[in-house]
Amino acid sequence: MVRGRTWLIAILLVALVGRLVAAWAVQQKVGDQLCLIAGDAEGYWELARSMTAGKGFSLFDPPRQVHRMPGFPAVLALSMKLFGESPFAARCLLALIGTAACGAVYLLGRRLFDERVALIACGLTAISPVMTGFSVLLLSETLFALTLTMSVWCAAFWLPAESREPKAESRYTVFWPFLTGITIAIATYVRPSWILAGPLLAVLVILFKRPRGKACLESAVMLLGLFGALVPWAWRNHEVSGHWVFTTLWSGPSLYDGLNPDANGDSNMTFFDRDNLMAQMTEWEVDQHYKQAAWRYARQHPGRAIELTFLKLWRYWKPWPSAAQFGGIGPALLVAAFFVPVLLLAARGWWLIRQRPWVWLLTLGPILYFAAIHSVFVGSLRYRLPAEYPLCVLAAVGVCSLLKDQPAVPRPLGSGPL
């Protein structure tokens, strides 16, 4: 145990040092700019600045008040409160969050398997060039990766135990389902698309977990925690928009971004400023307008919609970056040299534990979940990245299987120590 903790501390130090170096390098490269990827970073920064000044949570004129979730701007606002409007200070804070995300992967690997898998998975996230680089960009991916992984870790405490442990199966518990719902909500406060993970998990638990009564109770408690934690945000949105909105009013434009006559699988929101619907509609009406327009385009052009689905999936699974800011053979080789082996090792890990669906659901499920979502919206490595953190646990199982000693054996879920 002591040796394992020593290795963990060493790995986390490597992760932290690498991310702090990346913070310095990115700051030197961008200079007066906020981020390598324009658009989202500026919006987050302005929201954080508005929150710090006590001016409310809105952007632009006419104001968009339900444009973003507040989780990531709140972290930037914390940095501003502590260190002033220093992008470099914010990057250093995000480096700490990125290191914590590596630690969360360790917790998940240890919960699902053992110390060895946990350390290998943590090590993979620590040295990942994309995870390291994205950790210090003023974007929500790394904070979302941390909160997403923690929600998956909580779920691992109450999913089905082995049948040879009847006491674990018969014991009713609501703590871990409730905490799972809370952590899914926390992750949703960072990235709204994770909200569907709660209902989806509830359906799977009710369908496949026994006894059925316990499954229904735990699912209900989990959903209560999820939507109960989001009620303050939905209440606030009702106050400013007149509608109960548990996430944002940006899903309509985002959907139209992926389904319109000019769509190519990449994001191009120029239509929003061109149409200027906010000048004559409410934020709710704009959101509904673009949702209807997107689905109407898909119905009228089913062939193109299917073609766009494959283009988005290619962009999502593409082993190298698509963004022009990260172009060139060097970055492409660096990213692919890490992701392709991780994907192959994860495939091997899945094969070895394929008869333990609840285990690989928690490790492989998130990346498939977002693949499905972004086959409809737009595809990018950015949207895959947070789900790569749990995937590294499955890749670590593949690594262990290549070693000469015994391969990793899944820990019975719903029982046993941390």
Protein backbone atom coordinates (compact mmCIF):
# COMPACT_ATOMS: atom_id res chain seq x y z
CA MET A 1 0.00 0.00 0.00
CA VAL A 2 2.81 2.41 0.92
CA ARG A 3 4.58 1.63 -2.33
CA GLY A 4 1.36 2.23 -4.25
CA ARG A 5 0.89 5.61 -2.60
CA THR A 6 4.47 6.54 -3.44
CA TRP A 7 3.85 5.71 -7.08
CA LEU A 8 0.59 7.65 -7.03
CA ILE A 9 2.26 10.76 -5.61
CA ALA A 10 5.03 10.48 -8.19
CA ILE A 11 2.55 10.13 -11.07
CA LEU A 12 0.48 13.08 -9.86
CA LEU A 13 3.62 15.20 -9.55
CA VAL A 14 4.50 14.34 -13.14
CA ALA A 15 0.97 15.31 -14.18
CA LEU A 16 1.13 18.60 -12.30
CA VAL A 17 4.60 19.60 -13.52
CA GLY A 18 3.68 18.76 -17.12
CA ARG A 19 0.52 20.84 -16.89
CA LEU A 20 2.26 23.80 -15.28
CA VAL A 21 4.86 23.74 -18.05
CA ALA A 22 2.01 23.61 -20.57
CA ALA A 23 0.36 26.59 -18.83
CA TRP A 24 3.55 28.62 -19.25
CA ALA A 25 4.05 27.49 -22.87
CA VAL A 26 0.45 28.25 -23.88
CA GLN A 27 0.59 31.66 -22.23
CA GLN A 28 3.79 32.47 -24.10
CA LYS A 29 2.22 31.39 -27.37
CA VAL A 30 -1.12 33.19 -27.08
CA GLY A 31 0.27 36.41 -25.64
CA ASP A 32 -2.56 38.92 -25.26
CA GLN A 33 -5.14 36.45 -26.55
CA LEU A 34 -7.10 34.27 -24.16
CA CYS A 35 -6.93 30.97 -25.96
CA LEU A 36 -5.70 29.09 -29.00
CA ILE A 37 -9.33 28.28 -29.84
CA ALA A 38 -11.27 31.52 -30.22
CA GLY A 39 -14.93 31.87 -29.31
CA ASP A 40 -15.80 29.75 -26.29
CA ALA A 41 -12.86 30.92 -24.17
CA GLU A 42 -13.79 34.58 -24.57
CA GLY A 43 -17.39 33.82 -23.63
CA TYR A 44 -16.39 31.92 -20.50
CA TRP A 45 -13.99 34.69 -19.50
CA GLU A 46 -16.59 37.43 -19.93
CA LEU A 47 -19.14 35.45 -17.90
CA ALA A 48 -16.58 34.99 -15.13
CA ARG A 49 -15.78 38.70 -15.22
CA SER A 50 -19.49 39.54 -14.99
CA MET A 51 -19.95 37.14 -12.06
CA THR A 52 -16.95 38.61 -10.25
CA ALA A 53 -18.30 42.13 -10.68
CA GLY A 54 -21.76 41.10 -9.46
CA LYS A 55 -23.38 42.00 -12.77
CA GLY A 56 -25.27 38.75 -13.25
CA PHE A 57 -24.84 35.85 -15.65
CA SER A 58 -25.39 37.06 -19.20
CA LEU A 59 -23.55 37.82 -22.43
CA PHE A 60 -23.98 40.12 -25.41
CA ASP A 61 -26.67 42.61 -26.33
CA PRO A 62 -29.49 41.65 -26.50
CA PRO A 63 -28.48 39.58 -23.46
CA ARG A 64 -28.26 35.81 -23.59
CA GLN A 65 -28.98 34.78 -20.02
CA VAL A 66 -29.32 31.01 -20.46
CA HIS A 67 -26.48 30.67 -22.93
CA ARG A 68 -24.00 28.63 -20.87
CA MET A 69 -23.94 26.43 -17.78
CA PRO A 70 -22.36 28.26 -14.83
CA GLY A 71 -19.87 25.63 -13.63
CA PHE A 72 -16.78 26.56 -15.62
CA PRO A 73 -17.30 30.35 -15.48
CA ALA A 74 -17.60 29.97 -11.70
CA VAL A 75 -14.13 28.37 -11.58
CA LEU A 76 -12.69 31.21 -13.66
CA ALA A 77 -14.48 33.69 -11.40
CA LEU A 78 -12.81 32.03 -8.40
CA SER A 79 -9.44 32.53 -10.07
CA MET A 80 -10.28 36.19 -10.69
CA LYS A 81 -11.31 36.66 -7.05
CA LEU A 82 -8.05 35.14 -5.81
CA PHE A 83 -5.52 36.33 -8.38
CA GLY A 84 -7.19 39.06 -10.42
CA GLU A 85 -7.85 38.88 -14.16
CA SER A 86 -4.73 36.89 -14.89
CA PRO A 87 -5.12 34.23 -17.61
CA PHE A 88 -1.87 32.61 -16.49
CA ALA A 89 -3.14 32.25 -12.92
CA ALA A 90 -6.34 30.70 -14.28
CA ARG A 91 -4.26 28.25 -16.34
CA CYS A 92 -2.30 27.24 -13.23
CA LEU A 93 -5.57 26.63 -11.37
CA LEU A 94 -6.77 24.53 -14.31
CA ALA A 95 -3.47 22.60 -14.16
CA LEU A 96 -4.40 21.62 -10.60
CA ILE A 97 -7.85 20.58 -11.79
CA GLY A 98 -6.28 18.52 -14.57
CA THR A 99 -4.07 16.79 -12.02
CA ALA A 100 -7.12 16.11 -9.87
CA ALA A 101 -8.78 14.51 -12.91
CA CYS A 102 -5.83 12.10 -13.11
CA GLY A 103 -6.40 11.30 -9.43
CA ALA A 104 -10.08 10.65 -10.15
CA VAL A 105 -9.06 8.10 -12.79
CA TYR A 106 -6.91 6.40 -10.14
CA LEU A 107 -9.93 6.20 -7.81
CA LEU A 108 -12.09 4.73 -10.57
CA GLY A 109 -9.45 2.18 -11.57
CA ARG A 110 -8.93 1.12 -7.95
CA ARG A 111 -12.67 0.84 -7.36
CA LEU A 112 -13.29 -1.24 -10.46
CA PHE A 113 -10.09 -3.32 -10.44
CA ASP A 114 -6.99 -2.99 -8.27
CA GLU A 115 -4.02 -0.78 -7.39
CA ARG A 116 -2.02 -1.80 -10.44
CA VAL A 117 -4.75 -0.94 -12.95
CA ALA A 118 -5.42 2.30 -11.08
CA LEU A 119 -1.79 3.41 -11.23
CA ILE A 120 -1.41 2.52 -14.91
CA ALA A 121 -4.62 4.36 -15.81
CA CYS A 122 -3.55 7.38 -13.78
CA GLY A 123 -0.16 7.29 -15.50
CA LEU A 124 -1.74 7.25 -18.93
CA THR A 125 -3.77 10.37 -18.17
CA ALA A 126 -0.74 12.04 -16.60
CA ILE A 127 1.38 11.76 -19.74
CA SER A 128 -1.34 12.21 -22.36
CA PRO A 129 -0.26 15.13 -24.58
CA VAL A 130 -3.84 16.17 -25.37
CA MET A 131 -5.03 15.92 -21.77
CA THR A 132 -1.99 17.89 -20.64
CA GLY A 133 -2.44 20.60 -23.27
CA PHE A 134 -6.20 20.97 -22.88
CA SER A 135 -5.89 21.14 -19.10
CA VAL A 136 -4.59 24.69 -19.32
CA LEU A 137 -6.82 26.06 -22.07
CA LEU A 138 -9.64 28.31 -20.87
CA LEU A 139 -12.19 25.70 -21.91
CA SER A 140 -14.45 23.42 -19.89
CA GLU A 141 -13.16 20.02 -21.07
CA THR A 142 -10.83 19.23 -18.16
CA LEU A 143 -13.17 20.40 -15.38
CA PHE A 144 -15.86 18.34 -17.06
CA ALA A 145 -13.54 15.32 -17.22
CA LEU A 146 -12.98 15.56 -13.46
CA THR A 147 -16.67 15.84 -12.60
CA LEU A 148 -17.70 13.19 -15.13
CA THR A 149 -15.15 10.69 -13.78
CA MET A 150 -16.26 11.33 -10.20
CA SER A 151 -19.88 10.64 -11.16
CA VAL A 152 -18.83 7.35 -12.76
CA TRP A 153 -16.81 6.50 -9.63
CA CYS A 154 -19.87 7.07 -7.45
CA ALA A 155 -21.99 4.84 -9.71
CA ALA A 156 -19.47 2.01 -9.24
CA PHE A 157 -20.49 1.75 -5.57
CA TRP A 158 -24.07 0.63 -6.14
CA LEU A 159 -24.22 -1.18 -9.45
CA PRO A 160 -24.72 -4.97 -9.20
CA ALA A 161 -22.39 -6.98 -6.99
CA GLU A 162 -21.31 -10.51 -7.72
CA SER A 163 -24.01 -13.12 -7.17
CA ARG A 164 -21.75 -14.91 -4.71
CA GLU A 165 -22.25 -12.00 -2.31
CA PRO A 166 -25.97 -12.15 -1.47
CA LYS A 167 -25.66 -9.77 1.46
CA ALA A 168 -24.41 -7.04 -0.84
CA GLU A 169 -27.29 -7.68 -3.22
CA SER A 170 -29.99 -7.66 -0.57
CA ARG A 171 -28.76 -4.55 1.27
CA TYR A 172 -30.76 -1.46 0.37
CA THR A 173 -28.74 1.71 0.15
CA VAL A 174 -29.60 5.18 -1.08
CA PHE A 175 -26.40 7.05 -0.26
CA TRP A 176 -24.40 6.12 -3.35
CA PRO A 177 -27.30 6.41 -5.82
CA PHE A 178 -28.10 9.84 -4.37
CA LEU A 179 -24.45 10.91 -4.53
CA THR A 180 -24.29 9.63 -8.12
CA GLY A 181 -27.20 11.88 -9.01
CA ILE A 182 -25.56 14.85 -7.29
CA THR A 183 -22.25 14.31 -9.10
CA ILE A 184 -23.99 13.90 -12.46
CA ALA A 185 -25.68 17.23 -11.74
CA ILE A 186 -22.34 18.84 -10.86
CA ALA A 187 -20.93 17.60 -14.16
CA THR A 188 -24.04 18.91 -15.93
CA TYR A 189 -23.37 22.34 -14.43
CA VAL A 190 -20.15 22.19 -16.46
CA ARG A 191 -21.38 20.50 -19.66
CA PRO A 192 -25.18 20.21 -20.23
CA SER A 193 -25.06 17.12 -22.43
CA TRP A 194 -24.21 14.87 -19.43
CA ILE A 195 -27.73 15.32 -18.03
CA LEU A 196 -29.02 12.43 -20.16
CA ALA A 197 -26.57 10.04 -18.48
CA GLY A 198 -28.79 9.97 -15.39
CA PRO A 199 -32.04 8.84 -17.05
CA LEU A 200 -30.14 6.43 -19.29
CA LEU A 201 -28.41 4.83 -16.31
CA ALA A 202 -31.75 4.60 -14.49
CA VAL A 203 -33.33 2.76 -17.43
CA LEU A 204 -30.44 0.28 -17.62
CA VAL A 205 -30.53 -0.36 -13.87
CA ILE A 206 -34.29 -0.97 -13.87
CA LEU A 207 -34.06 -3.29 -16.88
CA PHE A 208 -31.07 -5.36 -15.84
CA LYS A 209 -30.50 -5.11 -12.09
CA ARG A 210 -32.16 -7.46 -9.63
CA PRO A 211 -34.10 -7.40 -7.41
CA ARG A 212 -36.38 -5.09 -9.39
CA GLY A 213 -37.69 -3.27 -6.33
CA LYS A 214 -34.20 -2.29 -5.22
CA ALA A 215 -33.32 -1.21 -8.75
CA CYS A 216 -36.37 1.05 -8.97
CA LEU A 217 -35.67 2.59 -5.57
CA GLU A 218 -32.02 3.30 -6.33
CA SER A 219 -32.85 4.72 -9.75
CA ALA A 220 -35.50 7.00 -8.30
CA VAL A 221 -33.13 8.25 -5.60
CA MET A 222 -30.41 8.85 -8.18
CA LEU A 223 -32.75 10.89 -10.38
CA LEU A 224 -33.98 12.79 -7.33
CA GLY A 225 -30.41 13.76 -6.55
CA LEU A 226 -29.75 14.75 -10.16
CA PHE A 227 -32.77 16.93 -10.82
CA GLY A 228 -32.97 18.18 -7.24
CA ALA A 229 -29.44 19.57 -7.55
CA LEU A 230 -30.38 21.25 -10.85
CA VAL A 231 -33.56 22.88 -9.49
CA PRO A 232 -31.80 26.10 -8.36
CA TRP A 233 -30.47 26.60 -11.89
CA ALA A 234 -33.83 25.75 -13.48
CA TRP A 235 -35.57 28.14 -11.05
CA ARG A 236 -33.17 30.93 -11.98
CA ASN A 237 -33.76 30.22 -15.68
CA HIS A 238 -37.51 30.38 -15.12
CA GLU A 239 -37.08 33.78 -13.51
CA VAL A 240 -35.15 35.21 -16.46
CA SER A 241 -36.80 33.38 -19.38
CA GLY A 242 -40.25 32.35 -18.15
CA HIS A 243 -39.48 28.66 -18.80
CA TRP A 244 -38.18 25.82 -16.67
CA VAL A 245 -34.85 25.06 -18.32
CA PHE A 246 -32.57 22.57 -16.56
CA THR A 247 -29.62 23.14 -18.91
CA THR A 248 -29.34 25.96 -21.47
CA LEU A 249 -31.15 27.62 -24.35
CA TRP A 250 -28.26 26.97 -26.69
CA SER A 251 -29.11 23.42 -27.76
CA GLY A 252 -31.25 24.69 -30.66
CA PRO A 253 -28.48 26.72 -32.33
CA SER A 254 -26.02 23.90 -31.57
CA LEU A 255 -28.31 21.38 -33.24
CA TYR A 256 -28.76 23.62 -36.28
CA ASP A 257 -24.98 23.99 -36.41
CA GLY A 258 -24.87 20.27 -37.23
CA LEU A 259 -27.97 20.08 -39.43
CA ASN A 260 -28.26 22.92 -41.94
CA PRO A 261 -27.60 23.46 -45.66
CA ASP A 262 -24.01 24.57 -45.03
CA ALA A 263 -23.14 21.96 -42.38
CA ASN A 264 -20.01 19.84 -42.90
CA GLY A 265 -19.59 18.19 -39.49
CA ASP A 266 -17.50 21.04 -38.09
CA SER A 267 -18.83 23.92 -36.01
CA ASN A 268 -19.63 27.14 -37.86
CA MET A 269 -21.94 29.43 -35.90
CA THR A 270 -21.74 32.39 -38.31
CA PHE A 271 -25.41 31.83 -39.17
CA PHE A 272 -26.39 33.01 -35.69
CA ASP A 273 -25.01 36.51 -36.14
CA ARG A 274 -26.14 36.59 -39.75
CA ASP A 275 -29.76 35.75 -38.90
CA ASN A 276 -29.76 38.05 -35.84
CA LEU A 277 -32.95 36.49 -34.50
CA MET A 278 -32.20 37.77 -31.00
CA ALA A 279 -33.17 41.24 -32.24
CA GLN A 280 -36.79 40.15 -32.67
CA MET A 281 -37.24 36.97 -30.58
CA THR A 282 -36.72 35.92 -27.00
CA GLU A 283 -33.91 33.54 -26.14
CA TRP A 284 -36.46 30.72 -25.73
CA GLU A 285 -38.03 31.44 -29.12
CA VAL A 286 -34.63 31.51 -30.84
CA ASP A 287 -33.76 28.14 -29.31
CA GLN A 288 -37.06 26.61 -30.45
CA HIS A 289 -36.74 28.15 -33.93
CA TYR A 290 -33.36 26.56 -34.59
CA LYS A 291 -34.42 23.18 -33.18
CA GLN A 292 -37.38 23.08 -35.54
CA ALA A 293 -35.25 24.26 -38.47
CA ALA A 294 -32.64 21.57 -37.81
CA TRP A 295 -35.14 18.71 -37.64
CA ARG A 296 -36.98 20.06 -40.67
CA TYR A 297 -33.74 20.04 -42.66
CA ALA A 298 -33.03 16.45 -41.55
CA ARG A 299 -36.51 15.32 -42.63
CA GLN A 300 -36.26 17.05 -45.99
CA HIS A 301 -32.69 15.86 -46.69
CA PRO A 302 -32.37 12.42 -45.05
CA GLY A 303 -29.47 11.37 -47.27
CA ARG A 304 -27.41 14.43 -46.39
CA ALA A 305 -28.31 14.03 -42.70
CA ILE A 306 -26.95 10.46 -42.77
CA GLU A 307 -23.83 11.62 -44.60
CA LEU A 308 -23.32 14.33 -41.98
CA THR A 309 -23.66 11.71 -39.24
CA PHE A 310 -20.67 9.81 -40.62
CA LEU A 311 -18.68 13.02 -41.10
CA LYS A 312 -19.29 13.96 -37.47
CA LEU A 313 -18.36 10.49 -36.24
CA TRP A 314 -15.13 10.65 -38.25
CA ARG A 315 -14.28 14.01 -36.71
CA TYR A 316 -15.12 12.62 -33.26
CA TRP A 317 -12.99 9.46 -33.57
CA LYS A 318 -10.27 11.02 -35.73
CA PRO A 319 -6.90 10.14 -34.12
CA TRP A 320 -5.44 13.60 -34.83
CA PRO A 321 -6.77 17.14 -34.33
CA SER A 322 -9.04 18.76 -36.88
CA ALA A 323 -8.67 22.34 -35.62
CA ALA A 324 -6.40 24.54 -37.75
CA GLN A 325 -4.70 25.84 -34.58
CA PHE A 326 -3.24 22.37 -34.03
CA GLY A 327 -2.42 21.60 -37.65
CA GLY A 328 0.84 20.14 -38.90
CA ILE A 329 2.38 16.70 -38.99
CA GLY A 330 4.04 17.09 -35.57
CA PRO A 331 0.87 17.60 -33.48
CA ALA A 332 -0.98 15.01 -35.56
CA LEU A 333 1.66 12.33 -34.91
CA LEU A 334 1.90 13.25 -31.22
CA VAL A 335 -1.85 12.97 -30.63
CA ALA A 336 -2.29 9.82 -32.73
CA ALA A 337 0.72 8.13 -31.12
CA PHE A 338 -1.08 8.28 -27.80
CA PHE A 339 -4.74 7.82 -28.74
CA VAL A 340 -4.42 4.90 -31.17
CA PRO A 341 -2.55 2.62 -28.69
CA VAL A 342 -4.95 3.63 -25.91
CA LEU A 343 -7.91 2.75 -28.12
CA LEU A 344 -6.41 -0.62 -29.08
CA LEU A 345 -5.54 -1.42 -25.47
CA ALA A 346 -9.04 -0.42 -24.39
CA ALA A 347 -10.48 -2.76 -27.03
CA ARG A 348 -8.34 -5.57 -25.62
CA GLY A 349 -9.42 -4.65 -22.09
CA TRP A 350 -13.07 -4.73 -23.12
CA TRP A 351 -12.64 -8.17 -24.66
CA LEU A 352 -11.13 -9.52 -21.45
CA ILE A 353 -14.01 -8.26 -19.29
CA ARG A 354 -16.78 -8.44 -21.88
CA GLN A 355 -18.86 -10.66 -19.58
CA ARG A 356 -18.88 -7.92 -16.92
CA PRO A 357 -21.11 -5.36 -18.67
CA TRP A 358 -21.51 -3.07 -15.66
CA VAL A 359 -17.75 -2.68 -15.45
CA TRP A 360 -17.14 -1.80 -19.07
CA LEU A 361 -20.30 0.32 -19.13
CA LEU A 362 -18.59 2.67 -16.67
CA THR A 363 -15.33 2.81 -18.62
CA LEU A 364 -16.39 2.49 -22.26
CA GLY A 365 -19.90 3.89 -21.88
CA PRO A 366 -19.04 7.61 -21.67
CA ILE A 367 -17.07 7.74 -24.90
CA LEU A 368 -19.85 5.87 -26.77
CA TYR A 369 -22.45 8.12 -25.15
CA PHE A 370 -20.80 11.25 -26.51
CA ALA A 371 -20.20 9.62 -29.88
CA ALA A 372 -23.96 9.15 -30.17
CA ILE A 373 -24.69 12.73 -29.09
CA HIS A 374 -22.14 14.31 -31.41
CA SER A 375 -23.20 12.25 -34.37
CA VAL A 376 -26.24 14.56 -34.25
CA PHE A 377 -24.63 17.86 -33.23
CA VAL A 378 -21.04 18.46 -34.41
CA GLY A 379 -17.98 16.25 -34.05
CA SER A 380 -14.57 17.11 -32.63
CA LEU A 381 -11.75 15.68 -30.56
CA ARG A 382 -12.77 18.22 -27.88
CA TYR A 383 -16.02 16.40 -27.23
CA ARG A 384 -14.29 13.01 -27.00
CA LEU A 385 -11.53 14.12 -24.65
CA PRO A 386 -13.39 14.11 -21.29
CA ALA A 387 -14.59 10.55 -21.92
CA GLU A 388 -11.03 9.39 -22.59
CA TYR A 389 -10.30 9.64 -18.87
CA PRO A 390 -12.53 6.68 -17.85
CA LEU A 391 -11.46 4.90 -21.05
CA CYS A 392 -7.88 4.88 -19.76
CA VAL A 393 -8.99 2.48 -17.01
CA LEU A 394 -10.05 0.01 -19.68
CA ALA A 395 -6.78 0.62 -21.52
CA ALA A 396 -4.90 -0.13 -18.29
CA VAL A 397 -6.63 -3.52 -18.18
CA GLY A 398 -5.26 -4.11 -21.67
CA VAL A 399 -1.77 -3.13 -20.49
CA CYS A 400 -1.96 -5.57 -17.58
CA SER A 401 -2.97 -8.38 -19.91
CA LEU A 402 0.27 -7.87 -21.85
CA LEU A 403 2.41 -8.23 -18.74
CA LYS A 404 3.81 -11.61 -17.77
CA ASP A 405 1.96 -11.87 -14.47
CA GLN A 406 -1.77 -12.36 -13.93
CA PRO A 407 -4.18 -10.03 -15.80
CA ALA A 408 -6.45 -7.65 -13.90
CA VAL A 409 -9.62 -9.08 -12.41
CA PRO A 410 -12.65 -6.79 -11.96
CA ARG A 411 -13.58 -6.03 -8.36
CA PRO A 412 -17.16 -7.01 -7.45
CA LEU A 413 -19.24 -3.86 -7.72
CA GLY A 414 -21.48 -2.73 -4.92
CA SER A 415 -19.25 -4.21 -2.23
CA GLY A 416 -15.81 -4.11 -0.72
CA PRO A 417 -13.56 -1.25 0.43
CA LEU A 418 -12.70 1.86 -1.52
